[in-house]
Amino acid sequence: MTLENRFDNALNSSNALAALRSLVGELSTGGSNKATILKIFEQQRQRLRVANRESDEDIVMEVMDALAGWCHPGARLLPDEELEEV
């Protein structure tokens, strides 16, 4: 299954936010660091914007905020690490 399919499946689930947060965990467990995961989410966000899928884009951005730490401390995803360009 492609990454795009995984995003679409998550976004089409009954709880898209939880499904995308779970996807972050899967990507991290698979060896991707926070910077790489943010880059993947940004690519998907851009794809959704081009497709005029604003509500889906908003959900992706909410997960990106949790990755970047722009949220309540209890909602953060993945431990803090130095964000470096991938």
PDB file of N, CA and C in Angstrom:
ATOM      1  N   MET A   1       0.851  -1.170   0.000  1.00  0.00           N
ATOM      2  CA  MET A   1       0.000   0.000   0.000  1.00  0.00           C
ATOM      3  C   MET A   1       0.902   1.239   0.000  1.00  0.00           C
ATOM      4  N   THR A   2       0.584   2.189  -0.846  1.00  0.00           N
ATOM      5  CA  THR A   2       1.397   3.398  -0.921  1.00  0.00           C
ATOM      6  C   THR A   2       1.114   4.317   0.263  1.00  0.00           C
ATOM      7  N   LEU A   3       2.012   5.235   0.474  1.00  0.00           N
ATOM      8  CA  LEU A   3       1.834   6.207   1.545  1.00  0.00           C
ATOM      9  C   LEU A   3       0.580   7.042   1.306  1.00  0.00           C
ATOM     10  N   GLU A   4       0.350   7.418   0.070  1.00  0.00           N
ATOM     11  CA  GLU A   4      -0.858   8.180  -0.281  1.00  0.00           C
ATOM     12  C   GLU A   4      -2.111   7.384   0.089  1.00  0.00           C
ATOM     13  N   ASN A   5      -2.117   6.086  -0.200  1.00  0.00           N
ATOM     14  CA  ASN A   5      -3.265   5.234   0.159  1.00  0.00           C
ATOM     15  C   ASN A   5      -3.444   5.163   1.663  1.00  0.00           C
ATOM     16  N   ARG A   6      -2.321   5.076   2.384  1.00  0.00           N
ATOM     17  CA  ARG A   6      -2.405   5.021   3.846  1.00  0.00           C
ATOM     18  C   ARG A   6      -3.008   6.307   4.404  1.00  0.00           C
ATOM     19  N   PHE A   7      -2.626   7.455   3.837  1.00  0.00           N
ATOM     20  CA  PHE A   7      -3.209   8.722   4.257  1.00  0.00           C
ATOM     21  C   PHE A   7      -4.695   8.756   3.947  1.00  0.00           C
ATOM     22  N   ASP A   8      -5.059   8.374   2.744  1.00  0.00           N
ATOM     23  CA  ASP A   8      -6.469   8.405   2.359  1.00  0.00           C
ATOM     24  C   ASP A   8      -7.301   7.458   3.217  1.00  0.00           C
ATOM     25  N   ASN A   9      -6.775   6.288   3.510  1.00  0.00           N
ATOM     26  CA  ASN A   9      -7.499   5.354   4.386  1.00  0.00           C
ATOM     27  C   ASN A   9      -7.693   5.965   5.765  1.00  0.00           C
ATOM     28  N   ALA A  10      -6.655   6.596   6.287  1.00  0.00           N
ATOM     29  CA  ALA A  10      -6.768   7.245   7.599  1.00  0.00           C
ATOM     30  C   ALA A  10      -7.797   8.369   7.556  1.00  0.00           C
ATOM     31  N   LEU A  11      -7.757   9.180   6.516  1.00  0.00           N
ATOM     32  CA  LEU A  11      -8.678  10.313   6.410  1.00  0.00           C
ATOM     33  C   LEU A  11     -10.122   9.867   6.202  1.00  0.00           C
ATOM     34  N   ASN A  12     -10.304   8.697   5.637  1.00  0.00           N
ATOM     35  CA  ASN A  12     -11.660   8.184   5.407  1.00  0.00           C
ATOM     36  C   ASN A  12     -12.181   7.345   6.572  1.00  0.00           C
ATOM     37  N   SER A  13     -11.364   7.170   7.604  1.00  0.00           N
ATOM     38  CA  SER A  13     -11.803   6.378   8.752  1.00  0.00           C
ATOM     39  C   SER A  13     -12.781   7.187   9.605  1.00  0.00           C
ATOM     40  N   SER A  14     -13.414   6.532  10.546  1.00  0.00           N
ATOM     41  CA  SER A  14     -14.401   7.212  11.388  1.00  0.00           C
ATOM     42  C   SER A  14     -13.755   8.233  12.323  1.00  0.00           C
ATOM     43  N   ASN A  15     -12.471   8.069  12.638  1.00  0.00           N
ATOM     44  CA  ASN A  15     -11.746   9.033  13.465  1.00  0.00           C
ATOM     45  C   ASN A  15     -10.421   9.332  12.777  1.00  0.00           C
ATOM     46  N   ALA A  16     -10.469  10.237  11.802  1.00  0.00           N
ATOM     47  CA  ALA A  16      -9.301  10.529  10.966  1.00  0.00           C
ATOM     48  C   ALA A  16      -8.127  11.045  11.784  1.00  0.00           C
ATOM     49  N   LEU A  17      -8.389  11.876  12.776  1.00  0.00           N
ATOM     50  CA  LEU A  17      -7.307  12.419  13.583  1.00  0.00           C
ATOM     51  C   LEU A  17      -6.561  11.299  14.306  1.00  0.00           C
ATOM     52  N   ALA A  18      -7.280  10.408  14.941  1.00  0.00           N
ATOM     53  CA  ALA A  18      -6.646   9.287  15.647  1.00  0.00           C
ATOM     54  C   ALA A  18      -5.903   8.384  14.663  1.00  0.00           C
ATOM     55  N   ALA A  19      -6.473   8.169  13.493  1.00  0.00           N
ATOM     56  CA  ALA A  19      -5.834   7.302  12.499  1.00  0.00           C
ATOM     57  C   ALA A  19      -4.525   7.914  11.994  1.00  0.00           C
ATOM     58  N   LEU A  20      -4.504   9.226  11.794  1.00  0.00           N
ATOM     59  CA  LEU A  20      -3.274   9.877  11.351  1.00  0.00           C
ATOM     60  C   LEU A  20      -2.236   9.905  12.466  1.00  0.00           C
ATOM     61  N   ARG A  21      -2.680  10.105  13.692  1.00  0.00           N
ATOM     62  CA  ARG A  21      -1.743  10.052  14.823  1.00  0.00           C
ATOM     63  C   ARG A  21      -1.138   8.649  14.922  1.00  0.00           C
ATOM     64  N   SER A  22      -1.922   7.630  14.676  1.00  0.00           N
ATOM     65  CA  SER A  22      -1.434   6.255  14.671  1.00  0.00           C
ATOM     66  C   SER A  22      -0.429   6.051  13.542  1.00  0.00           C
ATOM     67  N   LEU A  23      -0.696   6.654  12.390  1.00  0.00           N
ATOM     68  CA  LEU A  23       0.216   6.557  11.253  1.00  0.00           C
ATOM     69  C   LEU A  23       1.575   7.158  11.608  1.00  0.00           C
ATOM     70  N   VAL A  24       1.572   8.244  12.370  1.00  0.00           N
ATOM     71  CA  VAL A  24       2.840   8.826  12.829  1.00  0.00           C
ATOM     72  C   VAL A  24       3.628   7.778  13.619  1.00  0.00           C
ATOM     73  N   GLY A  25       2.953   7.084  14.511  1.00  0.00           N
ATOM     74  CA  GLY A  25       3.613   6.041  15.293  1.00  0.00           C
ATOM     75  C   GLY A  25       4.161   4.935  14.421  1.00  0.00           C
ATOM     76  N   GLU A  26       3.400   4.529  13.423  1.00  0.00           N
ATOM     77  CA  GLU A  26       3.858   3.479  12.511  1.00  0.00           C
ATOM     78  C   GLU A  26       5.097   3.920  11.739  1.00  0.00           C
ATOM     79  N   LEU A  27       5.077   5.166  11.254  1.00  0.00           N
ATOM     80  CA  LEU A  27       6.227   5.683  10.509  1.00  0.00           C
ATOM     81  C   LEU A  27       7.457   5.775  11.410  1.00  0.00           C
ATOM     82  N   SER A  28       7.247   6.200  12.646  1.00  0.00           N
ATOM     83  CA  SER A  28       8.348   6.303  13.601  1.00  0.00           C
ATOM     84  C   SER A  28       8.916   4.924  13.917  1.00  0.00           C
ATOM     85  N   THR A  29       8.045   3.967  14.178  1.00  0.00           N
ATOM     86  CA  THR A  29       8.469   2.595  14.463  1.00  0.00           C
ATOM     87  C   THR A  29       9.208   2.001  13.264  1.00  0.00           C
ATOM     88  N   GLY A  30       8.802   2.427  12.067  1.00  0.00           N
ATOM     89  CA  GLY A  30       9.447   1.947  10.852  1.00  0.00           C
ATOM     90  C   GLY A  30      10.791   2.594  10.571  1.00  0.00           C
ATOM     91  N   GLY A  31      11.210   3.523  11.443  1.00  0.00           N
ATOM     92  CA  GLY A  31      12.539   4.103  11.292  1.00  0.00           C
ATOM     93  C   GLY A  31      12.581   5.556  10.859  1.00  0.00           C
ATOM     94  N   SER A  32      11.444   6.161  10.589  1.00  0.00           N
ATOM     95  CA  SER A  32      11.438   7.566  10.180  1.00  0.00           C
ATOM     96  C   SER A  32      11.555   8.463  11.401  1.00  0.00           C
ATOM     97  N   ASN A  33      12.389   9.506  11.297  1.00  0.00           N
ATOM     98  CA  ASN A  33      12.505  10.454  12.402  1.00  0.00           C
ATOM     99  C   ASN A  33      11.441  11.559  12.254  1.00  0.00           C
ATOM    100  N   LYS A  34      11.373  12.415  13.247  1.00  0.00           N
ATOM    101  CA  LYS A  34      10.340  13.453  13.271  1.00  0.00           C
ATOM    102  C   LYS A  34      10.418  14.375  12.047  1.00  0.00           C
ATOM    103  N   ALA A  35      11.626  14.781  11.669  1.00  0.00           N
ATOM    104  CA  ALA A  35      11.788  15.671  10.519  1.00  0.00           C
ATOM    105  C   ALA A  35      11.277  15.012   9.238  1.00  0.00           C
ATOM    106  N   THR A  36      11.559  13.738   9.070  1.00  0.00           N
ATOM    107  CA  THR A  36      11.101  13.012   7.886  1.00  0.00           C
ATOM    108  C   THR A  36       9.581  12.884   7.888  1.00  0.00           C
ATOM    109  N   ILE A  37       9.019  12.589   9.036  1.00  0.00           N
ATOM    110  CA  ILE A  37       7.562  12.446   9.137  1.00  0.00           C
ATOM    111  C   ILE A  37       6.882  13.785   8.855  1.00  0.00           C
ATOM    112  N   LEU A  38       7.433  14.871   9.371  1.00  0.00           N
ATOM    113  CA  LEU A  38       6.868  16.197   9.072  1.00  0.00           C
ATOM    114  C   LEU A  38       6.923  16.478   7.573  1.00  0.00           C
ATOM    115  N   LYS A  39       8.012  16.096   6.930  1.00  0.00           N
ATOM    116  CA  LYS A  39       8.141  16.299   5.482  1.00  0.00           C
ATOM    117  C   LYS A  39       7.087  15.485   4.728  1.00  0.00           C
ATOM    118  N   ILE A  40       6.874  14.255   5.144  1.00  0.00           N
ATOM    119  CA  ILE A  40       5.842  13.406   4.524  1.00  0.00           C
ATOM    120  C   ILE A  40       4.470  14.034   4.694  1.00  0.00           C
ATOM    121  N   PHE A  41       4.168  14.501   5.904  1.00  0.00           N
ATOM    122  CA  PHE A  41       2.868  15.115   6.157  1.00  0.00           C
ATOM    123  C   PHE A  41       2.702  16.401   5.349  1.00  0.00           C
ATOM    124  N   GLU A  42       3.766  17.178   5.192  1.00  0.00           N
ATOM    125  CA  GLU A  42       3.687  18.397   4.385  1.00  0.00           C
ATOM    126  C   GLU A  42       3.408  18.055   2.923  1.00  0.00           C
ATOM    127  N   GLN A  43       4.027  17.026   2.413  1.00  0.00           N
ATOM    128  CA  GLN A  43       3.773  16.611   1.027  1.00  0.00           C
ATOM    129  C   GLN A  43       2.307  16.207   0.848  1.00  0.00           C
ATOM    130  N   GLN A  44       1.783  15.482   1.809  1.00  0.00           N
ATOM    131  CA  GLN A  44       0.381  15.058   1.734  1.00  0.00           C
ATOM    132  C   GLN A  44      -0.562  16.258   1.887  1.00  0.00           C
ATOM    133  N   ARG A  45      -0.189  17.203   2.750  1.00  0.00           N
ATOM    134  CA  ARG A  45      -0.996  18.408   2.924  1.00  0.00           C
ATOM    135  C   ARG A  45      -1.091  19.168   1.610  1.00  0.00           C
ATOM    136  N   GLN A  46       0.023  19.283   0.926  1.00  0.00           N
ATOM    137  CA  GLN A  46       0.030  19.980  -0.368  1.00  0.00           C
ATOM    138  C   GLN A  46      -0.840  19.244  -1.389  1.00  0.00           C
ATOM    139  N   ARG A  47      -0.765  17.923  -1.381  1.00  0.00           N
ATOM    140  CA  ARG A  47      -1.596  17.124  -2.296  1.00  0.00           C
ATOM    141  C   ARG A  47      -3.072  17.376  -2.024  1.00  0.00           C
ATOM    142  N   LEU A  48      -3.438  17.425  -0.753  1.00  0.00           N
ATOM    143  CA  LEU A  48      -4.835  17.653  -0.380  1.00  0.00           C
ATOM    144  C   LEU A  48      -5.286  19.058  -0.767  1.00  0.00           C
ATOM    145  N   ARG A  49      -4.404  20.030  -0.626  1.00  0.00           N
ATOM    146  CA  ARG A  49      -4.747  21.401  -1.000  1.00  0.00           C
ATOM    147  C   ARG A  49      -5.036  21.484  -2.495  1.00  0.00           C
ATOM    148  N   VAL A  50      -4.188  20.872  -3.301  1.00  0.00           N
ATOM    149  CA  VAL A  50      -4.379  20.887  -4.754  1.00  0.00           C
ATOM    150  C   VAL A  50      -5.713  20.231  -5.124  1.00  0.00           C
ATOM    151  N   ALA A  51      -6.097  19.217  -4.365  1.00  0.00           N
ATOM    152  CA  ALA A  51      -7.353  18.499  -4.620  1.00  0.00           C
ATOM    153  C   ALA A  51      -8.562  19.176  -3.967  1.00  0.00           C
ATOM    154  N   ASN A  52      -8.370  20.364  -3.389  1.00  0.00           N
ATOM    155  CA  ASN A  52      -9.456  21.098  -2.719  1.00  0.00           C
ATOM    156  C   ASN A  52     -10.117  20.286  -1.612  1.00  0.00           C
ATOM    157  N   ARG A  53      -9.305  19.580  -0.858  1.00  0.00           N
ATOM    158  CA  ARG A  53      -9.801  18.780   0.266  1.00  0.00           C
ATOM    159  C   ARG A  53      -9.433  19.495   1.562  1.00  0.00           C
ATOM    160  N   GLU A  54     -10.053  20.663   1.754  1.00  0.00           N
ATOM    161  CA  GLU A  54      -9.697  21.554   2.850  1.00  0.00           C
ATOM    162  C   GLU A  54      -9.889  20.917   4.223  1.00  0.00           C
ATOM    163  N   SER A  55     -10.973  20.211   4.434  1.00  0.00           N
ATOM    164  CA  SER A  55     -11.197  19.622   5.756  1.00  0.00           C
ATOM    165  C   SER A  55     -10.153  18.539   6.054  1.00  0.00           C
ATOM    166  N   ASP A  56      -9.773  17.763   5.048  1.00  0.00           N
ATOM    167  CA  ASP A  56      -8.715  16.768   5.239  1.00  0.00           C
ATOM    168  C   ASP A  56      -7.371  17.453   5.494  1.00  0.00           C
ATOM    169  N   GLU A  57      -7.121  18.535   4.776  1.00  0.00           N
ATOM    170  CA  GLU A  57      -5.886  19.296   4.969  1.00  0.00           C
ATOM    171  C   GLU A  57      -5.810  19.822   6.405  1.00  0.00           C
ATOM    172  N   ASP A  58      -6.929  20.277   6.939  1.00  0.00           N
ATOM    173  CA  ASP A  58      -6.963  20.788   8.318  1.00  0.00           C
ATOM    174  C   ASP A  58      -6.580  19.699   9.322  1.00  0.00           C
ATOM    175  N   ILE A  59      -7.048  18.490   9.091  1.00  0.00           N
ATOM    176  CA  ILE A  59      -6.726  17.382   9.995  1.00  0.00           C
ATOM    177  C   ILE A  59      -5.232  17.062   9.919  1.00  0.00           C
ATOM    178  N   VAL A  60      -4.677  17.049   8.725  1.00  0.00           N
ATOM    179  CA  VAL A  60      -3.248  16.796   8.555  1.00  0.00           C
ATOM    180  C   VAL A  60      -2.446  17.883   9.268  1.00  0.00           C
ATOM    181  N   MET A  61      -2.888  19.135   9.141  1.00  0.00           N
ATOM    182  CA  MET A  61      -2.170  20.223   9.803  1.00  0.00           C
ATOM    183  C   MET A  61      -2.257  20.109  11.326  1.00  0.00           C
ATOM    184  N   GLU A  62      -3.362  19.606  11.843  1.00  0.00           N
ATOM    185  CA  GLU A  62      -3.488  19.413  13.285  1.00  0.00           C
ATOM    186  C   GLU A  62      -2.464  18.385  13.779  1.00  0.00           C
ATOM    187  N   VAL A  63      -2.266  17.324  13.014  1.00  0.00           N
ATOM    188  CA  VAL A  63      -1.261  16.320  13.380  1.00  0.00           C
ATOM    189  C   VAL A  63       0.144  16.915  13.257  1.00  0.00           C
ATOM    190  N   MET A  64       0.367  17.721  12.237  1.00  0.00           N
ATOM    191  CA  MET A  64       1.663  18.374  12.078  1.00  0.00           C
ATOM    192  C   MET A  64       1.954  19.292  13.265  1.00  0.00           C
ATOM    193  N   ASP A  65       0.940  19.987  13.744  1.00  0.00           N
ATOM    194  CA  ASP A  65       1.109  20.834  14.931  1.00  0.00           C
ATOM    195  C   ASP A  65       1.522  19.997  16.134  1.00  0.00           C
ATOM    196  N   ALA A  66       0.915  18.827  16.282  1.00  0.00           N
ATOM    197  CA  ALA A  66       1.255  17.939  17.398  1.00  0.00           C
ATOM    198  C   ALA A  66       2.688  17.418  17.265  1.00  0.00           C
ATOM    199  N   LEU A  67       3.134  17.206  16.049  1.00  0.00           N
ATOM    200  CA  LEU A  67       4.513  16.776  15.821  1.00  0.00           C
ATOM    201  C   LEU A  67       5.505  17.894  16.143  1.00  0.00           C
ATOM    202  N   ALA A  68       5.146  19.112  15.744  1.00  0.00           N
ATOM    203  CA  ALA A  68       6.045  20.257  15.938  1.00  0.00           C
ATOM    204  C   ALA A  68       6.003  20.790  17.364  1.00  0.00           C
ATOM    205  N   GLY A  69       5.021  20.354  18.146  1.00  0.00           N
ATOM    206  CA  GLY A  69       4.908  20.819  19.521  1.00  0.00           C
ATOM    207  C   GLY A  69       4.051  22.054  19.680  1.00  0.00           C
ATOM    208  N   TRP A  70       3.322  22.437  18.639  1.00  0.00           N
ATOM    209  CA  TRP A  70       2.443  23.611  18.686  1.00  0.00           C
ATOM    210  C   TRP A  70       1.062  23.186  19.145  1.00  0.00           C
ATOM    211  N   CYS A  71       1.028  22.621  20.344  1.00  0.00           N
ATOM    212  CA  CYS A  71      -0.216  22.093  20.880  1.00  0.00           C
ATOM    213  C   CYS A  71      -0.058  21.943  22.392  1.00  0.00           C
ATOM    214  N   HIS A  72      -1.098  21.486  23.031  1.00  0.00           N
ATOM    215  CA  HIS A  72      -1.048  21.178  24.464  1.00  0.00           C
ATOM    216  C   HIS A  72       0.003  20.088  24.675  1.00  0.00           C
ATOM    217  N   PRO A  73       0.803  20.188  25.737  1.00  0.00           N
ATOM    218  CA  PRO A  73       1.856  19.180  25.958  1.00  0.00           C
ATOM    219  C   PRO A  73       1.356  17.736  25.929  1.00  0.00           C
ATOM    220  N   GLY A  74       0.135  17.500  26.375  1.00  0.00           N
ATOM    221  CA  GLY A  74      -0.393  16.144  26.374  1.00  0.00           C
ATOM    222  C   GLY A  74      -0.760  15.619  25.001  1.00  0.00           C
ATOM    223  N   ALA A  75      -0.844  16.507  24.006  1.00  0.00           N
ATOM    224  CA  ALA A  75      -1.215  16.103  22.650  1.00  0.00           C
ATOM    225  C   ALA A  75      -0.003  15.917  21.738  1.00  0.00           C
ATOM    226  N   ARG A  76       1.185  16.184  22.256  1.00  0.00           N
ATOM    227  CA  ARG A  76       2.389  16.099  21.422  1.00  0.00           C
ATOM    228  C   ARG A  76       2.645  14.673  20.954  1.00  0.00           C
ATOM    229  N   LEU A  77       3.211  14.598  19.768  1.00  0.00           N
ATOM    230  CA  LEU A  77       3.584  13.315  19.176  1.00  0.00           C
ATOM    231  C   LEU A  77       5.095  13.209  19.087  1.00  0.00           C
ATOM    232  N   LEU A  78       5.628  12.081  19.436  1.00  0.00           N
ATOM    233  CA  LEU A  78       7.055  11.762  19.373  1.00  0.00           C
ATOM    234  C   LEU A  78       7.864  12.666  20.289  1.00  0.00           C
ATOM    235  N   PRO A  79       8.909  12.139  20.846  1.00  0.00           N
ATOM    236  CA  PRO A  79       9.754  12.939  21.731  1.00  0.00           C
ATOM    237  C   PRO A  79      10.430  14.069  20.970  1.00  0.00           C
ATOM    238  N   ASP A  80      10.767  15.115  21.704  1.00  0.00           N
ATOM    239  CA  ASP A  80      11.465  16.231  21.071  1.00  0.00           C
ATOM    240  C   ASP A  80      12.825  15.761  20.569  1.00  0.00           C
ATOM    241  N   GLU A  81      13.185  16.286  19.417  1.00  0.00           N
ATOM    242  CA  GLU A  81      14.499  16.014  18.863  1.00  0.00           C
ATOM    243  C   GLU A  81      14.868  17.208  18.008  1.00  0.00           C
ATOM    244  N   GLU A  82      16.092  17.328  17.723  1.00  0.00           N
ATOM    245  CA  GLU A  82      16.547  18.405  16.859  1.00  0.00           C
ATOM    246  C   GLU A  82      15.984  18.160  15.463  1.00  0.00           C
ATOM    247  N   LEU A  83      15.244  19.136  14.948  1.00  0.00           N
ATOM    248  CA  LEU A  83      14.716  19.004  13.584  1.00  0.00           C
ATOM    249  C   LEU A  83      15.821  19.401  12.619  1.00  0.00           C
ATOM    250  N   GLU A  84      16.244  18.466  11.821  1.00  0.00           N
ATOM    251  CA  GLU A  84      17.264  18.767  10.846  1.00  0.00           C
ATOM    252  C   GLU A  84      16.734  18.452   9.467  1.00  0.00           C
ATOM    253  N   GLU A  85      17.244  19.155   8.486  1.00  0.00           N
ATOM    254  CA  GLU A  85      16.787  18.959   7.115  1.00  0.00           C
ATOM    255  C   GLU A  85      17.140  17.561   6.646  1.00  0.00           C
ATOM    256  N   VAL A  86      16.188  16.921   5.998  1.00  0.00           N
ATOM    257  CA  VAL A  86      16.378  15.556   5.509  1.00  0.00           C
ATOM    258  C   VAL A  86      16.708  15.592   4.037  1.00  0.00           C
TER     259      VAL A  86
END
